[in-house]
Amino acid sequence: MYAKRERLYDRLRSKLCGAPDAFLILLLIQAVSFGAAQTPHAANVAAETSTYPLIQVGGARLRIDLEGATPDLPKSAIEEHLLRAAQAAAVYYGRFPVSAARIVVFVSAGQDGMLQGTTWGNVDGFPAVTRLRIGQHTTEQELGGDWIATHELVHMSLASLPDAQHWLEEGIATYVEPIARVQAGQLTPTRIWRDMVAGMPNGEPETGDRGLNRTHTWGRTYWGGALFCLVADIEIRKQTGNTRGLQDALRAIVDAGGTIDKDWPVSRILNIGDRATGTSVLQHLYARWSTAPVEVDLPDLWKQLGVHVESGKVIFDNTAPLAQIRAGITAVPSR
């Protein structure tokens, strides 16, 4: 039985900030409709026809197929974009998370932009399969600004968890995606810290919050999970003198086989991650954040990290107490 993870996104994160529940429900209905029509069995994922041959990325074999309308962009442009996304994931994890994967791009007639992503584990001979829905009239500029492809491929790196911990799956993908792209030379550190300053407040608990395991709003699932990852990353680095970080924990989980084609309890994920860093940060934070609301003083955290945003521009203060930790988060590991 394959593990199915469906995610619906707006084209820009900012468009979802503060979105009313009714709007998000409409998006969910759209996702379910798309998923029903595009599940691997319904769409014959195991079909032999392939738009592209197998390509090698980070020690993995990737198969890329196009379905639906004929895109305005050349097929090579779409392939190159997916290759960049795969390379970003491979850089972050030290290799591509699974040994083989299939990426199916469904081209929607008359639309533009990267519209939606869905990733499954253990489907018809592939450890992971990602389906992306892209508009027929998508431009090079829209493709260049896409984050969904990398986000989806990062999902391949974590075992499928029980529904209560869905926030950890989405939080890791939300947090890792931009960092991976910085490490791959595709984004600048100033860009992603600006986005974090703008986005992380969406992850803070609101009135009535009962902890991440029991509060399944959009903000808490995506940004609350990402905020958990940021705090964990910083704390691991504090305790290890900035020699280890969340990246070490997540690499260890992949190396132990904890990828999307497996169903693991969250305790196993946390134990492996903590052993890799020589700390108990993940287990300690999970115990606090999972069943009760925990607020983070974000203005103070940005000050400690030396991140200042003025008129939409990021200015780094390299004399700030946690400036070296900030730099370490986006640095390419030497090991």
C-alpha atoms as a PDB file:
ATOM      1  CA  MET A   1       0.000   0.000   0.000  1.00  0.00           C
ATOM      2  CA  TYR A   2       1.571   3.267  -1.011  1.00  0.00           C
ATOM      3  CA  ALA A   3       1.705   6.306   1.237  1.00  0.00           C
ATOM      4  CA  LYS A   4      -0.043   9.246  -0.361  1.00  0.00           C
ATOM      5  CA  ARG A   5       0.677  12.849   0.483  1.00  0.00           C
ATOM      6  CA  GLU A   6      -1.355  15.503  -1.271  1.00  0.00           C
ATOM      7  CA  ARG A   7      -0.476  19.177  -1.078  1.00  0.00           C
ATOM      8  CA  LEU A   8      -2.172  22.107  -2.751  1.00  0.00           C
ATOM      9  CA  TYR A   9      -0.365  25.360  -3.084  1.00  0.00           C
ATOM     10  CA  ASP A  10      -1.071  28.818  -4.334  1.00  0.00           C
ATOM     11  CA  ARG A  11       1.554  30.058  -6.774  1.00  0.00           C
ATOM     12  CA  LEU A  12       3.139  32.234  -4.112  1.00  0.00           C
ATOM     13  CA  ARG A  13       3.271  31.638  -0.359  1.00  0.00           C
ATOM     14  CA  SER A  14       2.308  35.246   0.247  1.00  0.00           C
ATOM     15  CA  LYS A  15      -1.043  34.727  -1.428  1.00  0.00           C
ATOM     16  CA  LEU A  16      -1.931  32.137   1.183  1.00  0.00           C
ATOM     17  CA  CYS A  17      -0.967  34.214   4.206  1.00  0.00           C
ATOM     18  CA  GLY A  18      -4.125  34.814   6.184  1.00  0.00           C
ATOM     19  CA  ALA A  19      -6.301  33.074   3.628  1.00  0.00           C
ATOM     20  CA  PRO A  20      -9.847  32.490   4.934  1.00  0.00           C
ATOM     21  CA  ASP A  21     -10.932  28.927   5.692  1.00  0.00           C
ATOM     22  CA  ALA A  22     -13.533  28.949   2.895  1.00  0.00           C
ATOM     23  CA  PHE A  23     -10.867  29.747   0.323  1.00  0.00           C
ATOM     24  CA  LEU A  24      -8.581  27.003   1.610  1.00  0.00           C
ATOM     25  CA  ILE A  25     -11.473  24.514   1.521  1.00  0.00           C
ATOM     26  CA  LEU A  26     -11.998  25.331  -2.155  1.00  0.00           C
ATOM     27  CA  LEU A  27      -8.302  24.705  -2.777  1.00  0.00           C
ATOM     28  CA  LEU A  28      -8.547  21.404  -0.925  1.00  0.00           C
ATOM     29  CA  ILE A  29     -11.501  20.332  -3.066  1.00  0.00           C
ATOM     30  CA  GLN A  30      -9.438  21.135  -6.149  1.00  0.00           C
ATOM     31  CA  ALA A  31      -6.539  19.063  -4.818  1.00  0.00           C
ATOM     32  CA  VAL A  32      -8.742  16.077  -4.048  1.00  0.00           C
ATOM     33  CA  SER A  33     -10.294  16.256  -7.515  1.00  0.00           C
ATOM     34  CA  PHE A  34      -6.861  16.408  -9.116  1.00  0.00           C
ATOM     35  CA  GLY A  35      -5.574  13.596  -6.913  1.00  0.00           C
ATOM     36  CA  ALA A  36      -8.485  11.329  -7.749  1.00  0.00           C
ATOM     37  CA  ALA A  37      -7.859  11.778 -11.451  1.00  0.00           C
ATOM     38  CA  GLN A  38      -4.092  11.536 -11.170  1.00  0.00           C
ATOM     39  CA  THR A  39      -3.424   8.764  -8.672  1.00  0.00           C
ATOM     40  CA  PRO A  40      -0.761   6.370  -9.951  1.00  0.00           C
ATOM     41  CA  HIS A  41      -3.173   3.532 -10.692  1.00  0.00           C
ATOM     42  CA  ALA A  42      -5.785   5.749 -12.365  1.00  0.00           C
ATOM     43  CA  ALA A  43      -3.189   7.383 -14.593  1.00  0.00           C
ATOM     44  CA  ASN A  44      -1.242   4.165 -15.217  1.00  0.00           C
ATOM     45  CA  VAL A  45       1.941   5.367 -13.584  1.00  0.00           C
ATOM     46  CA  ALA A  46       3.704   2.191 -14.684  1.00  0.00           C
ATOM     47  CA  ALA A  47       3.169   3.023 -18.356  1.00  0.00           C
ATOM     48  CA  GLU A  48       6.181   2.288 -20.517  1.00  0.00           C
ATOM     49  CA  THR A  49       5.981   5.475 -22.588  1.00  0.00           C
ATOM     50  CA  SER A  50       8.428   8.047 -21.258  1.00  0.00           C
ATOM     51  CA  THR A  51       9.046  11.589 -22.479  1.00  0.00           C
ATOM     52  CA  TYR A  52      12.606  11.575 -21.182  1.00  0.00           C
ATOM     53  CA  PRO A  53      15.154   8.840 -20.590  1.00  0.00           C
ATOM     54  CA  LEU A  54      16.402   8.046 -17.098  1.00  0.00           C
ATOM     55  CA  ILE A  55      18.790  10.684 -15.766  1.00  0.00           C
ATOM     56  CA  GLN A  56      21.312  10.341 -12.965  1.00  0.00           C
ATOM     57  CA  VAL A  57      21.197  12.829 -10.079  1.00  0.00           C
ATOM     58  CA  GLY A  58      22.931  12.459  -6.739  1.00  0.00           C
ATOM     59  CA  GLY A  59      23.315   8.701  -7.156  1.00  0.00           C
ATOM     60  CA  ALA A  60      19.664   8.211  -8.111  1.00  0.00           C
ATOM     61  CA  ARG A  61      17.852   7.370 -11.347  1.00  0.00           C
ATOM     62  CA  LEU A  62      15.062   9.795 -12.208  1.00  0.00           C
ATOM     63  CA  ARG A  63      12.427   9.285 -14.871  1.00  0.00           C
ATOM     64  CA  ILE A  64      10.546  12.376 -16.060  1.00  0.00           C
ATOM     65  CA  ASP A  65       7.320  12.207 -18.060  1.00  0.00           C
ATOM     66  CA  LEU A  66       4.968  14.815 -19.482  1.00  0.00           C
ATOM     67  CA  GLU A  67       1.215  14.308 -19.766  1.00  0.00           C
ATOM     68  CA  GLY A  68      -1.690  16.522 -20.809  1.00  0.00           C
ATOM     69  CA  ALA A  69      -1.493  19.553 -23.092  1.00  0.00           C
ATOM     70  CA  THR A  70       1.572  20.582 -25.087  1.00  0.00           C
ATOM     71  CA  PRO A  71       3.475  23.258 -23.115  1.00  0.00           C
ATOM     72  CA  ASP A  72       4.598  26.522 -24.671  1.00  0.00           C
ATOM     73  CA  LEU A  73       8.044  26.006 -23.178  1.00  0.00           C
ATOM     74  CA  PRO A  74      10.367  23.463 -24.766  1.00  0.00           C
ATOM     75  CA  LYS A  75      10.405  20.167 -22.936  1.00  0.00           C
ATOM     76  CA  SER A  76      14.101  20.643 -22.264  1.00  0.00           C
ATOM     77  CA  ALA A  77      13.363  23.766 -20.165  1.00  0.00           C
ATOM     78  CA  ILE A  78      11.002  21.798 -17.924  1.00  0.00           C
ATOM     79  CA  GLU A  79      13.496  18.958 -17.614  1.00  0.00           C
ATOM     80  CA  GLU A  80      16.289  21.380 -16.684  1.00  0.00           C
ATOM     81  CA  HIS A  81      14.101  22.950 -13.994  1.00  0.00           C
ATOM     82  CA  LEU A  82      13.354  19.563 -12.458  1.00  0.00           C
ATOM     83  CA  LEU A  83      17.010  18.639 -12.656  1.00  0.00           C
ATOM     84  CA  ARG A  84      17.880  21.790 -10.675  1.00  0.00           C
ATOM     85  CA  ALA A  85      15.282  20.876  -8.063  1.00  0.00           C
ATOM     86  CA  ALA A  86      16.698  17.361  -7.793  1.00  0.00           C
ATOM     87  CA  GLN A  87      20.247  18.707  -7.517  1.00  0.00           C
ATOM     88  CA  ALA A  88      19.208  21.009  -4.665  1.00  0.00           C
ATOM     89  CA  ALA A  89      17.759  18.054  -2.740  1.00  0.00           C
ATOM     90  CA  ALA A  90      20.902  16.014  -3.450  1.00  0.00           C
ATOM     91  CA  VAL A  91      23.194  18.784  -2.199  1.00  0.00           C
ATOM     92  CA  TYR A  92      21.267  19.159   1.052  1.00  0.00           C
ATOM     93  CA  TYR A  93      21.094  15.437   1.824  1.00  0.00           C
ATOM     94  CA  GLY A  94      24.519  14.535   0.453  1.00  0.00           C
ATOM     95  CA  ARG A  95      22.776  12.423  -2.185  1.00  0.00           C
ATOM     96  CA  PHE A  96      19.311  12.167  -3.657  1.00  0.00           C
ATOM     97  CA  PRO A  97      17.059  10.753  -0.893  1.00  0.00           C
ATOM     98  CA  VAL A  98      15.857   7.636  -2.763  1.00  0.00           C
ATOM     99  CA  SER A  99      17.584   5.370  -5.258  1.00  0.00           C
ATOM    100  CA  ALA A 100      15.012   5.918  -8.018  1.00  0.00           C
ATOM    101  CA  ALA A 101      12.044   8.209  -8.563  1.00  0.00           C
ATOM    102  CA  ARG A 102       9.534   9.178 -11.180  1.00  0.00           C
ATOM    103  CA  ILE A 103       8.373  12.740 -11.790  1.00  0.00           C
ATOM    104  CA  VAL A 104       5.200  13.133 -13.813  1.00  0.00           C
ATOM    105  CA  VAL A 105       4.386  16.631 -15.071  1.00  0.00           C
ATOM    106  CA  PHE A 106       0.739  17.132 -15.987  1.00  0.00           C
ATOM    107  CA  VAL A 107       0.315  20.162 -18.271  1.00  0.00           C
ATOM    108  CA  SER A 108      -3.014  21.964 -17.687  1.00  0.00           C
ATOM    109  CA  ALA A 109      -4.426  23.565 -20.826  1.00  0.00           C
ATOM    110  CA  GLY A 110      -4.911  27.324 -20.791  1.00  0.00           C
ATOM    111  CA  GLN A 111      -3.200  27.936 -17.434  1.00  0.00           C
ATOM    112  CA  ASP A 112       0.193  29.215 -16.350  1.00  0.00           C
ATOM    113  CA  GLY A 113       2.612  28.748 -13.472  1.00  0.00           C
ATOM    114  CA  MET A 114       3.483  25.785 -11.298  1.00  0.00           C
ATOM    115  CA  LEU A 115       0.090  24.938  -9.823  1.00  0.00           C
ATOM    116  CA  GLN A 116       0.303  21.919  -7.563  1.00  0.00           C
ATOM    117  CA  GLY A 117       2.358  19.012  -6.328  1.00  0.00           C
ATOM    118  CA  THR A 118       1.700  15.544  -4.942  1.00  0.00           C
ATOM    119  CA  THR A 119       4.183  12.909  -3.779  1.00  0.00           C
ATOM    120  CA  TRP A 120       3.670   9.211  -3.034  1.00  0.00           C
ATOM    121  CA  GLY A 121       5.986   6.575  -1.663  1.00  0.00           C
ATOM    122  CA  ASN A 122       6.501   3.024  -2.935  1.00  0.00           C
ATOM    123  CA  VAL A 123       4.473   3.181  -6.138  1.00  0.00           C
ATOM    124  CA  ASP A 124       4.654   0.593  -8.926  1.00  0.00           C
ATOM    125  CA  GLY A 125       8.340  -0.147  -8.634  1.00  0.00           C
ATOM    126  CA  PHE A 126       9.504   3.350  -7.694  1.00  0.00           C
ATOM    127  CA  PRO A 127      10.450   4.267  -4.111  1.00  0.00           C
ATOM    128  CA  ALA A 128       8.897   7.674  -4.795  1.00  0.00           C
ATOM    129  CA  VAL A 129       6.677   9.308  -7.399  1.00  0.00           C
ATOM    130  CA  THR A 130       5.967  13.032  -7.650  1.00  0.00           C
ATOM    131  CA  ARG A 131       3.215  14.541  -9.781  1.00  0.00           C
ATOM    132  CA  LEU A 132       3.400  18.223 -10.617  1.00  0.00           C
ATOM    133  CA  ARG A 133       0.685  20.218 -12.346  1.00  0.00           C
ATOM    134  CA  ILE A 134       1.992  23.039 -14.506  1.00  0.00           C
ATOM    135  CA  GLY A 135       0.142  25.513 -16.704  1.00  0.00           C
ATOM    136  CA  GLN A 136       0.425  25.188 -20.458  1.00  0.00           C
ATOM    137  CA  HIS A 137       1.426  28.854 -20.788  1.00  0.00           C
ATOM    138  CA  THR A 138       4.028  28.855 -18.020  1.00  0.00           C
ATOM    139  CA  THR A 139       6.938  31.194 -18.798  1.00  0.00           C
ATOM    140  CA  GLU A 140      10.652  30.812 -18.163  1.00  0.00           C
ATOM    141  CA  GLN A 141      10.349  33.476 -15.452  1.00  0.00           C
ATOM    142  CA  GLU A 142       7.549  31.598 -13.677  1.00  0.00           C
ATOM    143  CA  LEU A 143       9.483  28.373 -13.867  1.00  0.00           C
ATOM    144  CA  GLY A 144      12.574  30.079 -12.472  1.00  0.00           C
ATOM    145  CA  GLY A 145      10.615  31.344  -9.469  1.00  0.00           C
ATOM    146  CA  ASP A 146       9.060  27.973  -8.665  1.00  0.00           C
ATOM    147  CA  TRP A 147       9.689  26.352  -5.279  1.00  0.00           C
ATOM    148  CA  ILE A 148       7.087  23.581  -5.429  1.00  0.00           C
ATOM    149  CA  ALA A 149       9.265  21.118  -7.372  1.00  0.00           C
ATOM    150  CA  THR A 150      12.062  21.236  -4.787  1.00  0.00           C
ATOM    151  CA  HIS A 151       9.542  21.122  -1.925  1.00  0.00           C
ATOM    152  CA  GLU A 152       8.017  17.951  -3.340  1.00  0.00           C
ATOM    153  CA  LEU A 153      11.343  16.212  -3.902  1.00  0.00           C
ATOM    154  CA  VAL A 154      12.367  17.019  -0.329  1.00  0.00           C
ATOM    155  CA  HIS A 155       9.245  15.145   0.793  1.00  0.00           C
ATOM    156  CA  MET A 156      10.872  11.984  -0.538  1.00  0.00           C
ATOM    157  CA  SER A 157      13.463  12.243   2.246  1.00  0.00           C
ATOM    158  CA  LEU A 158      11.164  11.500   5.179  1.00  0.00           C
ATOM    159  CA  ALA A 159       9.219   8.383   6.110  1.00  0.00           C
ATOM    160  CA  SER A 160       5.437   8.660   6.051  1.00  0.00           C
ATOM    161  CA  LEU A 161       4.250   9.562   9.534  1.00  0.00           C
ATOM    162  CA  PRO A 162       0.858   9.207  11.247  1.00  0.00           C
ATOM    163  CA  ASP A 163      -1.617  11.960  10.431  1.00  0.00           C
ATOM    164  CA  ALA A 164      -1.017  13.717  13.753  1.00  0.00           C
ATOM    165  CA  GLN A 165       2.569  14.412  12.705  1.00  0.00           C
ATOM    166  CA  HIS A 166       1.770  15.618   9.192  1.00  0.00           C
ATOM    167  CA  TRP A 167       3.078  19.017  10.336  1.00  0.00           C
ATOM    168  CA  LEU A 168       6.570  17.548  10.649  1.00  0.00           C
ATOM    169  CA  GLU A 169       6.503  16.281   7.060  1.00  0.00           C
ATOM    170  CA  GLU A 170       5.350  19.649   5.743  1.00  0.00           C
ATOM    171  CA  GLY A 171       7.489  21.649   8.141  1.00  0.00           C
ATOM    172  CA  ILE A 172      10.691  19.902   7.066  1.00  0.00           C
ATOM    173  CA  ALA A 173       9.855  20.368   3.377  1.00  0.00           C
ATOM    174  CA  THR A 174       8.999  24.044   3.925  1.00  0.00           C
ATOM    175  CA  TYR A 175      12.179  24.696   5.910  1.00  0.00           C
ATOM    176  CA  VAL A 176      14.634  22.617   3.878  1.00  0.00           C
ATOM    177  CA  GLU A 177      13.513  23.650   0.366  1.00  0.00           C
ATOM    178  CA  PRO A 178      14.941  27.202   0.368  1.00  0.00           C
ATOM    179  CA  ILE A 179      18.082  26.208   2.291  1.00  0.00           C
ATOM    180  CA  ALA A 180      18.767  23.436  -0.210  1.00  0.00           C
ATOM    181  CA  ARG A 181      18.424  25.914  -3.053  1.00  0.00           C
ATOM    182  CA  VAL A 182      20.881  28.293  -1.382  1.00  0.00           C
ATOM    183  CA  GLN A 183      23.395  25.485  -0.901  1.00  0.00           C
ATOM    184  CA  ALA A 184      22.965  24.558  -4.560  1.00  0.00           C
ATOM    185  CA  GLY A 185      23.658  28.151  -5.623  1.00  0.00           C
ATOM    186  CA  GLN A 186      20.095  28.771  -6.808  1.00  0.00           C
ATOM    187  CA  LEU A 187      19.053  31.370  -4.206  1.00  0.00           C
ATOM    188  CA  THR A 188      20.842  33.910  -2.032  1.00  0.00           C
ATOM    189  CA  PRO A 189      20.844  33.782   1.786  1.00  0.00           C
ATOM    190  CA  THR A 190      19.314  37.265   1.934  1.00  0.00           C
ATOM    191  CA  ARG A 191      16.338  36.066  -0.103  1.00  0.00           C
ATOM    192  CA  ILE A 192      15.449  33.148   2.135  1.00  0.00           C
ATOM    193  CA  TRP A 193      15.944  35.045   5.410  1.00  0.00           C
ATOM    194  CA  ARG A 194      13.629  37.731   4.077  1.00  0.00           C
ATOM    195  CA  ASP A 195      11.068  35.035   3.310  1.00  0.00           C
ATOM    196  CA  MET A 196      11.495  33.507   6.763  1.00  0.00           C
ATOM    197  CA  VAL A 197      10.913  36.862   8.451  1.00  0.00           C
ATOM    198  CA  ALA A 198       7.745  37.256   6.386  1.00  0.00           C
ATOM    199  CA  GLY A 199       6.501  33.681   6.718  1.00  0.00           C
ATOM    200  CA  MET A 200       7.420  32.371  10.158  1.00  0.00           C
ATOM    201  CA  PRO A 201       4.802  34.461  12.021  1.00  0.00           C
ATOM    202  CA  ASN A 202       2.154  32.326  10.278  1.00  0.00           C
ATOM    203  CA  GLY A 203       3.404  29.386  12.317  1.00  0.00           C
ATOM    204  CA  GLU A 204       2.852  30.952  15.730  1.00  0.00           C
ATOM    205  CA  PRO A 205       0.001  29.480  17.834  1.00  0.00           C
ATOM    206  CA  GLU A 206      -3.275  31.347  18.018  1.00  0.00           C
ATOM    207  CA  THR A 207      -6.092  31.301  20.569  1.00  0.00           C
ATOM    208  CA  GLY A 208      -7.353  27.764  21.096  1.00  0.00           C
ATOM    209  CA  ASP A 209      -4.173  26.114  19.847  1.00  0.00           C
ATOM    210  CA  ARG A 210      -3.541  22.661  21.351  1.00  0.00           C
ATOM    211  CA  GLY A 211      -0.063  21.947  20.035  1.00  0.00           C
ATOM    212  CA  LEU A 212       1.173  20.891  16.605  1.00  0.00           C
ATOM    213  CA  ASN A 213      -0.182  17.339  16.853  1.00  0.00           C
ATOM    214  CA  ARG A 214      -3.687  18.614  17.534  1.00  0.00           C
ATOM    215  CA  THR A 215      -3.919  21.887  15.601  1.00  0.00           C
ATOM    216  CA  HIS A 216      -4.141  21.186  11.882  1.00  0.00           C
ATOM    217  CA  THR A 217      -4.487  24.667  10.392  1.00  0.00           C
ATOM    218  CA  TRP A 218      -2.566  25.684   7.296  1.00  0.00           C
ATOM    219  CA  GLY A 219      -0.322  28.050   9.260  1.00  0.00           C
ATOM    220  CA  ARG A 220       0.555  25.579  11.987  1.00  0.00           C
ATOM    221  CA  THR A 221       1.035  22.646   9.581  1.00  0.00           C
ATOM    222  CA  TYR A 222       3.409  24.375   7.164  1.00  0.00           C
ATOM    223  CA  TRP A 223       4.922  27.343   8.973  1.00  0.00           C
ATOM    224  CA  GLY A 224       4.491  25.917  12.477  1.00  0.00           C
ATOM    225  CA  GLY A 225       6.432  22.872  11.335  1.00  0.00           C
ATOM    226  CA  ALA A 226       9.042  25.094   9.690  1.00  0.00           C
ATOM    227  CA  LEU A 227       9.352  27.168  12.873  1.00  0.00           C
ATOM    228  CA  PHE A 228       9.941  23.957  14.834  1.00  0.00           C
ATOM    229  CA  CYS A 229      12.748  23.112  12.397  1.00  0.00           C
ATOM    230  CA  LEU A 230      14.332  26.562  12.676  1.00  0.00           C
ATOM    231  CA  VAL A 231      14.317  26.496  16.473  1.00  0.00           C
ATOM    232  CA  ALA A 232      15.676  22.936  16.445  1.00  0.00           C
ATOM    233  CA  ASP A 233      18.430  23.863  13.999  1.00  0.00           C
ATOM    234  CA  ILE A 234      19.522  26.812  16.120  1.00  0.00           C
ATOM    235  CA  GLU A 235      19.439  24.829  19.376  1.00  0.00           C
ATOM    236  CA  ILE A 236      21.445  21.933  17.914  1.00  0.00           C
ATOM    237  CA  ARG A 237      24.055  24.395  16.709  1.00  0.00           C
ATOM    238  CA  LYS A 238      24.185  26.104  20.090  1.00  0.00           C
ATOM    239  CA  GLN A 239      24.756  22.817  21.877  1.00  0.00           C
ATOM    240  CA  THR A 240      27.386  21.560  19.413  1.00  0.00           C
ATOM    241  CA  GLY A 241      29.353  24.764  18.930  1.00  0.00           C
ATOM    242  CA  ASN A 242      27.877  25.150  15.444  1.00  0.00           C
ATOM    243  CA  THR A 243      29.502  21.886  14.322  1.00  0.00           C
ATOM    244  CA  ARG A 244      26.181  20.057  13.852  1.00  0.00           C
ATOM    245  CA  GLY A 245      22.732  21.150  12.752  1.00  0.00           C
ATOM    246  CA  LEU A 246      19.339  19.874  11.691  1.00  0.00           C
ATOM    247  CA  GLN A 247      20.861  18.974   8.331  1.00  0.00           C
ATOM    248  CA  ASP A 248      23.007  16.330  10.041  1.00  0.00           C
ATOM    249  CA  ALA A 249      19.920  14.868  11.700  1.00  0.00           C
ATOM    250  CA  LEU A 250      17.949  14.737   8.462  1.00  0.00           C
ATOM    251  CA  ARG A 251      20.847  13.209   6.530  1.00  0.00           C
ATOM    252  CA  ALA A 252      21.116  10.498   9.167  1.00  0.00           C
ATOM    253  CA  ILE A 253      17.410   9.702   8.834  1.00  0.00           C
ATOM    254  CA  VAL A 254      17.835   9.270   5.066  1.00  0.00           C
ATOM    255  CA  ASP A 255      20.945   7.151   5.554  1.00  0.00           C
ATOM    256  CA  ALA A 256      18.986   4.919   7.957  1.00  0.00           C
ATOM    257  CA  GLY A 257      16.355   4.323   5.280  1.00  0.00           C
ATOM    258  CA  GLY A 258      13.701   6.636   6.705  1.00  0.00           C
ATOM    259  CA  THR A 259      12.416   7.806   3.328  1.00  0.00           C
ATOM    260  CA  ILE A 260       8.890   8.221   1.983  1.00  0.00           C
ATOM    261  CA  ASP A 261       8.545   4.580   0.940  1.00  0.00           C
ATOM    262  CA  LYS A 262       8.553   3.601   4.629  1.00  0.00           C
ATOM    263  CA  ASP A 263       5.958   4.060   7.382  1.00  0.00           C
ATOM    264  CA  TRP A 264       7.747   4.966  10.610  1.00  0.00           C
ATOM    265  CA  PRO A 265       6.626   6.236  14.008  1.00  0.00           C
ATOM    266  CA  VAL A 266       7.813   9.727  14.853  1.00  0.00           C
ATOM    267  CA  SER A 267       9.812   8.410  17.822  1.00  0.00           C
ATOM    268  CA  ARG A 268      12.107   6.511  15.445  1.00  0.00           C
ATOM    269  CA  ILE A 269      12.682   9.645  13.350  1.00  0.00           C
ATOM    270  CA  LEU A 270      13.526  11.750  16.390  1.00  0.00           C
ATOM    271  CA  ASN A 271      15.812   9.135  17.940  1.00  0.00           C
ATOM    272  CA  ILE A 272      17.896   8.755  14.791  1.00  0.00           C
ATOM    273  CA  GLY A 273      18.142  12.515  14.343  1.00  0.00           C
ATOM    274  CA  ASP A 274      19.230  13.129  17.919  1.00  0.00           C
ATOM    275  CA  ARG A 275      21.847  10.362  17.802  1.00  0.00           C
ATOM    276  CA  ALA A 276      23.366  11.980  14.722  1.00  0.00           C
ATOM    277  CA  THR A 277      23.845  15.304  16.500  1.00  0.00           C
ATOM    278  CA  GLY A 278      24.721  13.920  19.914  1.00  0.00           C
ATOM    279  CA  THR A 279      21.876  15.892  21.486  1.00  0.00           C
ATOM    280  CA  SER A 280      18.276  15.347  22.576  1.00  0.00           C
ATOM    281  CA  VAL A 281      17.008  18.527  20.955  1.00  0.00           C
ATOM    282  CA  LEU A 282      14.432  16.951  18.621  1.00  0.00           C
ATOM    283  CA  GLN A 283      12.884  14.743  21.297  1.00  0.00           C
ATOM    284  CA  HIS A 284      12.830  17.584  23.821  1.00  0.00           C
ATOM    285  CA  LEU A 285      11.242  20.090  21.438  1.00  0.00           C
ATOM    286  CA  TYR A 286       8.725  17.536  20.183  1.00  0.00           C
ATOM    287  CA  ALA A 287       7.628  16.778  23.755  1.00  0.00           C
ATOM    288  CA  ARG A 288       6.905  20.483  24.299  1.00  0.00           C
ATOM    289  CA  TRP A 289       5.533  21.553  20.924  1.00  0.00           C
ATOM    290  CA  SER A 290       3.399  18.556  19.977  1.00  0.00           C
ATOM    291  CA  THR A 291       0.715  18.842  22.661  1.00  0.00           C
ATOM    292  CA  ALA A 292       0.817  22.482  23.806  1.00  0.00           C
ATOM    293  CA  PRO A 293       1.220  25.888  22.142  1.00  0.00           C
ATOM    294  CA  VAL A 294       4.750  27.290  22.281  1.00  0.00           C
ATOM    295  CA  GLU A 295       5.321  30.872  21.207  1.00  0.00           C
ATOM    296  CA  VAL A 296       8.641  32.073  19.812  1.00  0.00           C
ATOM    297  CA  ASP A 297       9.789  35.658  20.281  1.00  0.00           C
ATOM    298  CA  LEU A 298      10.558  36.113  16.596  1.00  0.00           C
ATOM    299  CA  PRO A 299      11.639  39.790  16.714  1.00  0.00           C
ATOM    300  CA  ASP A 300      14.242  38.885  19.328  1.00  0.00           C
ATOM    301  CA  LEU A 301      15.279  35.774  17.399  1.00  0.00           C
ATOM    302  CA  TRP A 302      15.894  37.793  14.220  1.00  0.00           C
ATOM    303  CA  LYS A 303      17.918  40.280  16.270  1.00  0.00           C
ATOM    304  CA  GLN A 304      20.011  37.478  17.784  1.00  0.00           C
ATOM    305  CA  LEU A 305      20.611  36.034  14.310  1.00  0.00           C
ATOM    306  CA  GLY A 306      21.506  39.431  12.912  1.00  0.00           C
ATOM    307  CA  VAL A 307      18.672  39.586  10.388  1.00  0.00           C
ATOM    308  CA  HIS A 308      17.176  43.015   9.795  1.00  0.00           C
ATOM    309  CA  VAL A 309      14.643  43.835   7.086  1.00  0.00           C
ATOM    310  CA  GLU A 310      14.389  47.442   6.008  1.00  0.00           C
ATOM    311  CA  SER A 311      12.182  48.539   3.100  1.00  0.00           C
ATOM    312  CA  GLY A 312      12.003  44.950   1.895  1.00  0.00           C
ATOM    313  CA  LYS A 313      15.787  44.501   1.923  1.00  0.00           C
ATOM    314  CA  VAL A 314      17.714  42.234   4.277  1.00  0.00           C
ATOM    315  CA  ILE A 315      20.710  43.578   6.133  1.00  0.00           C
ATOM    316  CA  PHE A 316      22.906  41.107   8.019  1.00  0.00           C
ATOM    317  CA  ASP A 317      24.566  42.096  11.288  1.00  0.00           C
ATOM    318  CA  ASN A 318      27.589  39.850  11.466  1.00  0.00           C
ATOM    319  CA  THR A 319      28.338  40.982  15.034  1.00  0.00           C
ATOM    320  CA  ALA A 320      25.049  39.571  16.340  1.00  0.00           C
ATOM    321  CA  PRO A 321      25.282  36.768  18.946  1.00  0.00           C
ATOM    322  CA  LEU A 322      23.953  34.075  16.587  1.00  0.00           C
ATOM    323  CA  ALA A 323      25.364  35.447  13.323  1.00  0.00           C
ATOM    324  CA  GLN A 324      27.697  32.480  12.878  1.00  0.00           C
ATOM    325  CA  ILE A 325      24.817  30.090  13.411  1.00  0.00           C
ATOM    326  CA  ARG A 326      22.792  31.968  10.798  1.00  0.00           C
ATOM    327  CA  ALA A 327      25.646  31.572   8.334  1.00  0.00           C
ATOM    328  CA  GLY A 328      26.088  27.922   9.266  1.00  0.00           C
ATOM    329  CA  ILE A 329      22.486  27.081   8.456  1.00  0.00           C
ATOM    330  CA  THR A 330      22.916  27.930   4.772  1.00  0.00           C
ATOM    331  CA  ALA A 331      26.565  26.897   4.379  1.00  0.00           C
ATOM    332  CA  VAL A 332      27.342  23.782   2.358  1.00  0.00           C
ATOM    333  CA  PRO A 333      28.553  21.108   4.810  1.00  0.00           C
ATOM    334  CA  SER A 334      32.173  20.087   4.470  1.00  0.00           C
ATOM    335  CA  ARG A 335      31.345  16.460   5.289  1.00  0.00           C
END
